[in-house]
């Protein structure tokens, strides 16, 4: 689900930039910015959920390897 969230946020960001440069309707610009901002906590929630799911799976399935890709 994370790639879909990132893709949606990217689409809202592109729409916001296009509307800003084209002097589009201000309501549409606000909707695009709101979509981008609402996507941020959703993305953070999904990332945390996936990390917890990987750790739970590692505890119940010893052959499952957890790799830290964050840093």
PDB file of N, CA and C in Angstrom:
ATOM      1  N   UNK A   1       0.807  -1.199   0.000  1.00  0.00           N
ATOM      2  CA  UNK A   1       0.000   0.000   0.000  1.00  0.00           C
ATOM      3  C   UNK A   1       0.854   1.269   0.000  1.00  0.00           C
ATOM      4  N   UNK A   2       2.061   1.175   0.489  1.00  0.00           N
ATOM      5  CA  UNK A   2       2.916   2.365   0.551  1.00  0.00           C
ATOM      6  C   UNK A   2       3.167   2.974  -0.830  1.00  0.00           C
ATOM      7  N   UNK A   3       3.448   2.169  -1.859  1.00  0.00           N
ATOM      8  CA  UNK A   3       3.644   2.794  -3.181  1.00  0.00           C
ATOM      9  C   UNK A   3       2.409   3.539  -3.681  1.00  0.00           C
ATOM     10  N   UNK A   4       1.212   3.030  -3.353  1.00  0.00           N
ATOM     11  CA  UNK A   4       0.000   3.731  -3.758  1.00  0.00           C
ATOM     12  C   UNK A   4      -0.126   5.073  -3.045  1.00  0.00           C
ATOM     13  N   UNK A   5       0.225   5.099  -1.769  1.00  0.00           N
ATOM     14  CA  UNK A   5       0.166   6.351  -1.010  1.00  0.00           C
ATOM     15  C   UNK A   5       1.171   7.362  -1.558  1.00  0.00           C
ATOM     16  N   UNK A   6       2.366   6.904  -1.846  1.00  0.00           N
ATOM     17  CA  UNK A   6       3.390   7.803  -2.402  1.00  0.00           C
ATOM     18  C   UNK A   6       2.965   8.300  -3.780  1.00  0.00           C
ATOM     19  N   UNK A   7       2.397   7.404  -4.580  1.00  0.00           N
ATOM     20  CA  UNK A   7       1.924   7.807  -5.899  1.00  0.00           C
ATOM     21  C   UNK A   7       0.806   8.833  -5.818  1.00  0.00           C
ATOM     22  N   UNK A   8      -0.112   8.631  -4.890  1.00  0.00           N
ATOM     23  CA  UNK A   8      -1.197   9.592  -4.706  1.00  0.00           C
ATOM     24  C   UNK A   8      -0.690  10.941  -4.242  1.00  0.00           C
ATOM     25  N   UNK A   9       0.264  10.918  -3.314  1.00  0.00           N
ATOM     26  CA  UNK A   9       0.836  12.174  -2.841  1.00  0.00           C
ATOM     27  C   UNK A   9       1.582  12.890  -3.967  1.00  0.00           C
ATOM     28  N   UNK A  10       2.283  12.119  -4.790  1.00  0.00           N
ATOM     29  CA  UNK A  10       3.000  12.719  -5.921  1.00  0.00           C
ATOM     30  C   UNK A  10       2.010  13.336  -6.912  1.00  0.00           C
ATOM     31  N   UNK A  11       0.902  12.654  -7.147  1.00  0.00           N
ATOM     32  CA  UNK A  11      -0.110  13.187  -8.065  1.00  0.00           C
ATOM     33  C   UNK A  11      -0.693  14.490  -7.525  1.00  0.00           C
ATOM     34  N   UNK A  12      -0.980  14.529  -6.229  1.00  0.00           N
ATOM     35  CA  UNK A  12      -1.495  15.766  -5.635  1.00  0.00           C
ATOM     36  C   UNK A  12      -0.446  16.884  -5.702  1.00  0.00           C
ATOM     37  N   UNK A  13       0.827  16.543  -5.502  1.00  0.00           N
ATOM     38  CA  UNK A  13       1.882  17.556  -5.571  1.00  0.00           C
ATOM     39  C   UNK A  13       2.015  18.113  -6.986  1.00  0.00           C
ATOM     40  N   UNK A  14       1.983  17.225  -7.973  1.00  0.00           N
ATOM     41  CA  UNK A  14       2.065  17.681  -9.365  1.00  0.00           C
ATOM     42  C   UNK A  14       0.868  18.552  -9.711  1.00  0.00           C
ATOM     43  N   UNK A  15      -0.315  18.131  -9.284  1.00  0.00           N
ATOM     44  CA  UNK A  15      -1.520  18.924  -9.545  1.00  0.00           C
ATOM     45  C   UNK A  15      -1.419  20.300  -8.900  1.00  0.00           C
ATOM     46  N   UNK A  16      -0.891  20.355  -7.684  1.00  0.00           N
ATOM     47  CA  UNK A  16      -0.753  21.638  -6.998  1.00  0.00           C
ATOM     48  C   UNK A  16       0.220  22.553  -7.740  1.00  0.00           C
ATOM     49  N   UNK A  17       1.329  22.005  -8.196  1.00  0.00           N
ATOM     50  CA  UNK A  17       2.315  22.816  -8.924  1.00  0.00           C
ATOM     51  C   UNK A  17       1.725  23.316 -10.242  1.00  0.00           C
ATOM     52  N   UNK A  18       1.031  22.433 -10.953  1.00  0.00           N
ATOM     53  CA  UNK A  18       0.419  22.843 -12.222  1.00  0.00           C
ATOM     54  C   UNK A  18      -0.616  23.938 -11.989  1.00  0.00           C
ATOM     55  N   UNK A  19      -1.464  23.755 -10.982  1.00  0.00           N
ATOM     56  CA  UNK A  19      -2.480  24.768 -10.694  1.00  0.00           C
ATOM     57  C   UNK A  19      -1.854  26.082 -10.253  1.00  0.00           C
ATOM     58  N   UNK A  20      -0.763  25.997  -9.496  1.00  0.00           N
ATOM     59  CA  UNK A  20      -0.097  27.211  -9.045  1.00  0.00           C
ATOM     60  C   UNK A  20       0.521  27.963 -10.218  1.00  0.00           C
ATOM     61  N   UNK A  21       1.169  27.235 -11.123  1.00  0.00           N
ATOM     62  CA  UNK A  21       1.825  27.882 -12.268  1.00  0.00           C
ATOM     63  C   UNK A  21       0.820  28.384 -13.293  1.00  0.00           C
ATOM     64  N   UNK A  22      -0.317  27.683 -13.426  1.00  0.00           N
ATOM     65  CA  UNK A  22      -1.307  28.057 -14.427  1.00  0.00           C
ATOM     66  C   UNK A  22      -2.344  29.034 -13.876  1.00  0.00           C
ATOM     67  N   UNK A  23      -2.163  29.435 -12.631  1.00  0.00           N
ATOM     68  CA  UNK A  23      -3.122  30.322 -11.963  1.00  0.00           C
ATOM     69  C   UNK A  23      -4.536  29.744 -12.056  1.00  0.00           C
ATOM     70  N   UNK A  24      -4.619  28.444 -11.712  1.00  0.00           N
ATOM     71  CA  UNK A  24      -5.896  27.745 -11.758  1.00  0.00           C
ATOM     72  C   UNK A  24      -6.813  28.169 -10.637  1.00  0.00           C
ATOM     73  N   UNK A  25      -7.998  27.575 -10.595  1.00  0.00           N
ATOM     74  CA  UNK A  25      -8.958  27.914  -9.547  1.00  0.00           C
ATOM     75  C   UNK A  25      -8.374  27.673  -8.153  1.00  0.00           C
ATOM     76  N   UNK A  26      -8.572  28.631  -7.272  1.00  0.00           N
ATOM     77  CA  UNK A  26      -7.970  28.524  -5.939  1.00  0.00           C
ATOM     78  C   UNK A  26      -8.570  27.372  -5.139  1.00  0.00           C
ATOM     79  N   UNK A  27      -9.830  27.028  -5.393  1.00  0.00           N
ATOM     80  CA  UNK A  27     -10.425  25.895  -4.690  1.00  0.00           C
ATOM     81  C   UNK A  27      -9.713  24.600  -5.052  1.00  0.00           C
ATOM     82  N   UNK A  28      -9.391  24.420  -6.311  1.00  0.00           N
ATOM     83  CA  UNK A  28      -8.692  23.214  -6.735  1.00  0.00           C
ATOM     84  C   UNK A  28      -7.288  23.159  -6.143  1.00  0.00           C
ATOM     85  N   UNK A  29      -6.644  24.321  -6.072  1.00  0.00           N
ATOM     86  CA  UNK A  29      -5.308  24.371  -5.475  1.00  0.00           C
ATOM     87  C   UNK A  29      -5.366  23.960  -4.013  1.00  0.00           C
ATOM     88  N   UNK A  30      -6.364  24.471  -3.292  1.00  0.00           N
ATOM     89  CA  UNK A  30      -6.515  24.093  -1.875  1.00  0.00           C
ATOM     90  C   UNK A  30      -6.777  22.595  -1.725  1.00  0.00           C
ATOM     91  N   UNK A  31      -7.561  22.023  -2.622  1.00  0.00           N
ATOM     92  CA  UNK A  31      -7.841  20.587  -2.563  1.00  0.00           C
ATOM     93  C   UNK A  31      -6.561  19.790  -2.814  1.00  0.00           C
ATOM     94  N   UNK A  32      -5.765  20.213  -3.776  1.00  0.00           N
ATOM     95  CA  UNK A  32      -4.514  19.510  -4.082  1.00  0.00           C
ATOM     96  C   UNK A  32      -3.541  19.582  -2.908  1.00  0.00           C
ATOM     97  N   UNK A  33      -3.429  20.742  -2.297  1.00  0.00           N
ATOM     98  CA  UNK A  33      -2.537  20.889  -1.140  1.00  0.00           C
ATOM     99  C   UNK A  33      -3.060  20.066   0.033  1.00  0.00           C
ATOM    100  N   UNK A  34      -4.374  20.084   0.244  1.00  0.00           N
ATOM    101  CA  UNK A  34      -4.957  19.296   1.334  1.00  0.00           C
ATOM    102  C   UNK A  34      -4.714  17.804   1.101  1.00  0.00           C
ATOM    103  N   UNK A  35      -4.862  17.344  -0.126  1.00  0.00           N
ATOM    104  CA  UNK A  35      -4.606  15.940  -0.425  1.00  0.00           C
ATOM    105  C   UNK A  35      -3.173  15.547  -0.123  1.00  0.00           C
ATOM    106  N   UNK A  36      -2.253  16.416  -0.452  1.00  0.00           N
ATOM    107  CA  UNK A  36      -0.847  16.145  -0.148  1.00  0.00           C
ATOM    108  C   UNK A  36      -0.601  16.118   1.353  1.00  0.00           C
ATOM    109  N   UNK A  37      -1.154  17.073   2.065  1.00  0.00           N
ATOM    110  CA  UNK A  37      -0.927  17.146   3.513  1.00  0.00           C
ATOM    111  C   UNK A  37      -1.610  16.005   4.268  1.00  0.00           C
ATOM    112  N   UNK A  38      -2.779  15.592   3.827  1.00  0.00           N
ATOM    113  CA  UNK A  38      -3.464  14.476   4.477  1.00  0.00           C
ATOM    114  C   UNK A  38      -2.736  13.166   4.191  1.00  0.00           C
ATOM    115  N   UNK A  39      -2.050  13.089   3.073  1.00  0.00           N
ATOM    116  CA  UNK A  39      -1.310  11.878   2.739  1.00  0.00           C
ATOM    117  C   UNK A  39      -0.098  11.646   3.619  1.00  0.00           C
ATOM    118  N   UNK A  40       0.467  12.681   4.175  1.00  0.00           N
ATOM    119  CA  UNK A  40       1.680  12.539   4.994  1.00  0.00           C
ATOM    120  C   UNK A  40       1.432  11.696   6.241  1.00  0.00           C
ATOM    121  N   UNK A  41       0.434  12.023   7.083  1.00  0.00           N
ATOM    122  CA  UNK A  41       0.219  11.156   8.252  1.00  0.00           C
ATOM    123  C   UNK A  41      -0.223   9.746   7.856  1.00  0.00           C
ATOM    124  N   UNK A  42      -0.952   9.627   6.755  1.00  0.00           N
ATOM    125  CA  UNK A  42      -1.336   8.299   6.296  1.00  0.00           C
ATOM    126  C   UNK A  42      -0.128   7.471   5.902  1.00  0.00           C
ATOM    127  N   UNK A  43       0.816   8.088   5.216  1.00  0.00           N
ATOM    128  CA  UNK A  43       2.034   7.386   4.824  1.00  0.00           C
ATOM    129  C   UNK A  43       2.852   6.983   6.054  1.00  0.00           C
ATOM    130  N   UNK A  44       2.977   7.878   7.006  1.00  0.00           N
ATOM    131  CA  UNK A  44       3.718   7.569   8.237  1.00  0.00           C
ATOM    132  C   UNK A  44       3.063   6.408   8.968  1.00  0.00           C
ATOM    133  N   UNK A  45       1.742   6.420   9.035  1.00  0.00           N
ATOM    134  CA  UNK A  45       1.023   5.328   9.693  1.00  0.00           C
ATOM    135  C   UNK A  45       1.279   4.007   8.989  1.00  0.00           C
ATOM    136  N   UNK A  46       1.242   3.992   7.667  1.00  0.00           N
ATOM    137  CA  UNK A  46       1.484   2.756   6.922  1.00  0.00           C
ATOM    138  C   UNK A  46       2.919   2.255   7.124  1.00  0.00           C
ATOM    139  N   UNK A  47       3.878   3.160   7.130  1.00  0.00           N
ATOM    140  CA  UNK A  47       5.269   2.754   7.330  1.00  0.00           C
ATOM    141  C   UNK A  47       5.468   2.138   8.712  1.00  0.00           C
ATOM    142  N   UNK A  48       4.883   2.756   9.732  1.00  0.00           N
ATOM    143  CA  UNK A  48       4.995   2.210  11.096  1.00  0.00           C
ATOM    144  C   UNK A  48       4.308   0.857  11.202  1.00  0.00           C
ATOM    145  N   UNK A  49       3.138   0.726  10.581  1.00  0.00           N
ATOM    146  CA  UNK A  49       2.416  -0.545  10.609  1.00  0.00           C
ATOM    147  C   UNK A  49       3.232  -1.645   9.945  1.00  0.00           C
ATOM    148  N   UNK A  50       3.830  -1.356   8.805  1.00  0.00           N
ATOM    149  CA  UNK A  50       4.645  -2.351   8.118  1.00  0.00           C
ATOM    150  C   UNK A  50       5.857  -2.759   8.955  1.00  0.00           C
ATOM    151  N   UNK A  51       6.476  -1.795   9.623  1.00  0.00           N
ATOM    152  CA  UNK A  51       7.635  -2.105  10.461  1.00  0.00           C
ATOM    153  C   UNK A  51       7.231  -3.002  11.626  1.00  0.00           C
ATOM    154  N   UNK A  52       6.107  -2.702  12.255  1.00  0.00           N
ATOM    155  CA  UNK A  52       5.642  -3.533  13.369  1.00  0.00           C
ATOM    156  C   UNK A  52       5.259  -4.937  12.879  1.00  0.00           C
ATOM    157  N   UNK A  53       4.647  -5.015  11.709  1.00  0.00           N
ATOM    158  CA  UNK A  53       4.262  -6.310  11.153  1.00  0.00           C
ATOM    159  C   UNK A  53       5.502  -7.156  10.868  1.00  0.00           C
ATOM    160  N   UNK A  54       6.558  -6.549  10.325  1.00  0.00           N
ATOM    161  CA  UNK A  54       7.800  -7.291  10.071  1.00  0.00           C
ATOM    162  C   UNK A  54       8.410  -7.798  11.369  1.00  0.00           C
ATOM    163  N   UNK A  55       8.385  -6.973  12.410  1.00  0.00           N
ATOM    164  CA  UNK A  55       8.953  -7.395  13.690  1.00  0.00           C
ATOM    165  C   UNK A  55       8.126  -8.518  14.324  1.00  0.00           C
ATOM    166  N   UNK A  56       6.794  -8.419  14.239  1.00  0.00           N
ATOM    167  CA  UNK A  56       5.942  -9.490  14.772  1.00  0.00           C
ATOM    168  C   UNK A  56       6.178 -10.790  14.018  1.00  0.00           C
ATOM    169  N   UNK A  57       6.312 -10.697  12.713  1.00  0.00           N
ATOM    170  CA  UNK A  57       6.553 -11.898  11.913  1.00  0.00           C
ATOM    171  C   UNK A  57       7.909 -12.504  12.249  1.00  0.00           C
ATOM    172  N   UNK A  58       8.897 -11.675  12.530  1.00  0.00           N
ATOM    173  CA  UNK A  58      10.221 -12.186  12.887  1.00  0.00           C
ATOM    174  C   UNK A  58      10.178 -12.936  14.216  1.00  0.00           C
ATOM    175  N   UNK A  59       9.314 -12.504  15.124  1.00  0.00           N
ATOM    176  CA  UNK A  59       9.202 -13.193  16.414  1.00  0.00           C
ATOM    177  C   UNK A  59       8.501 -14.539  16.281  1.00  0.00           C
ATOM    178  N   UNK A  60       7.522 -14.632  15.390  1.00  0.00           N
ATOM    179  CA  UNK A  60       6.764 -15.877  15.260  1.00  0.00           C
ATOM    180  C   UNK A  60       7.346 -16.824  14.226  1.00  0.00           C
ATOM    181  N   UNK A  61       8.160 -16.318  13.309  1.00  0.00           N
ATOM    182  CA  UNK A  61       8.785 -17.146  12.283  1.00  0.00           C
ATOM    183  C   UNK A  61      10.294 -16.891  12.311  1.00  0.00           C
ATOM    184  N   UNK A  62      11.044 -17.738  12.999  1.00  0.00           N
ATOM    185  CA  UNK A  62      12.491 -17.475  13.169  1.00  0.00           C
ATOM    186  C   UNK A  62      13.271 -17.400  11.850  1.00  0.00           C
ATOM    187  N   UNK A  63      12.796 -18.059  10.795  1.00  0.00           N
ATOM    188  CA  UNK A  63      13.536 -18.032   9.537  1.00  0.00           C
ATOM    189  C   UNK A  63      13.310 -16.736   8.768  1.00  0.00           C
ATOM    190  N   UNK A  64      12.377 -15.903   9.241  1.00  0.00           N
ATOM    191  CA  UNK A  64      12.111 -14.612   8.598  1.00  0.00           C
ATOM    192  C   UNK A  64      13.163 -13.608   9.042  1.00  0.00           C
ATOM    193  N   UNK A  65      13.808 -12.947   8.098  1.00  0.00           N
ATOM    194  CA  UNK A  65      14.881 -11.990   8.392  1.00  0.00           C
ATOM    195  C   UNK A  65      14.347 -10.566   8.339  1.00  0.00           C
ATOM    196  N   UNK A  66      14.679  -9.769   9.333  1.00  0.00           N
ATOM    197  CA  UNK A  66      14.308  -8.353   9.368  1.00  0.00           C
ATOM    198  C   UNK A  66      15.552  -7.564   8.998  1.00  0.00           C
ATOM    199  N   UNK A  67      15.413  -6.761   7.949  1.00  0.00           N
ATOM    200  CA  UNK A  67      16.518  -5.903   7.540  1.00  0.00           C
ATOM    201  C   UNK A  67      16.114  -4.468   7.756  1.00  0.00           C
ATOM    202  N   UNK A  68      17.001  -3.684   8.281  1.00  0.00           N
ATOM    203  CA  UNK A  68      16.738  -2.287   8.547  1.00  0.00           C
ATOM    204  C   UNK A  68      17.113  -1.487   7.311  1.00  0.00           C
ATOM    205  N   UNK A  69      16.114  -1.016   6.579  1.00  0.00           N
ATOM    206  CA  UNK A  69      16.368  -0.245   5.374  1.00  0.00           C
ATOM    207  C   UNK A  69      16.355   1.247   5.640  1.00  0.00           C
ATOM    208  N   UNK A  70      16.061   1.645   6.874  1.00  0.00           N
ATOM    209  CA  UNK A  70      15.957   3.071   7.195  1.00  0.00           C
ATOM    210  C   UNK A  70      17.319   3.726   7.327  1.00  0.00           C
ATOM    211  N   UNK A  71      18.331   3.000   7.579  1.00  0.00           N
ATOM    212  CA  UNK A  71      19.583   3.709   7.730  1.00  0.00           C
ATOM    213  C   UNK A  71      20.646   2.820   8.085  1.00  0.00           C
TER     214      UNK A  71
END
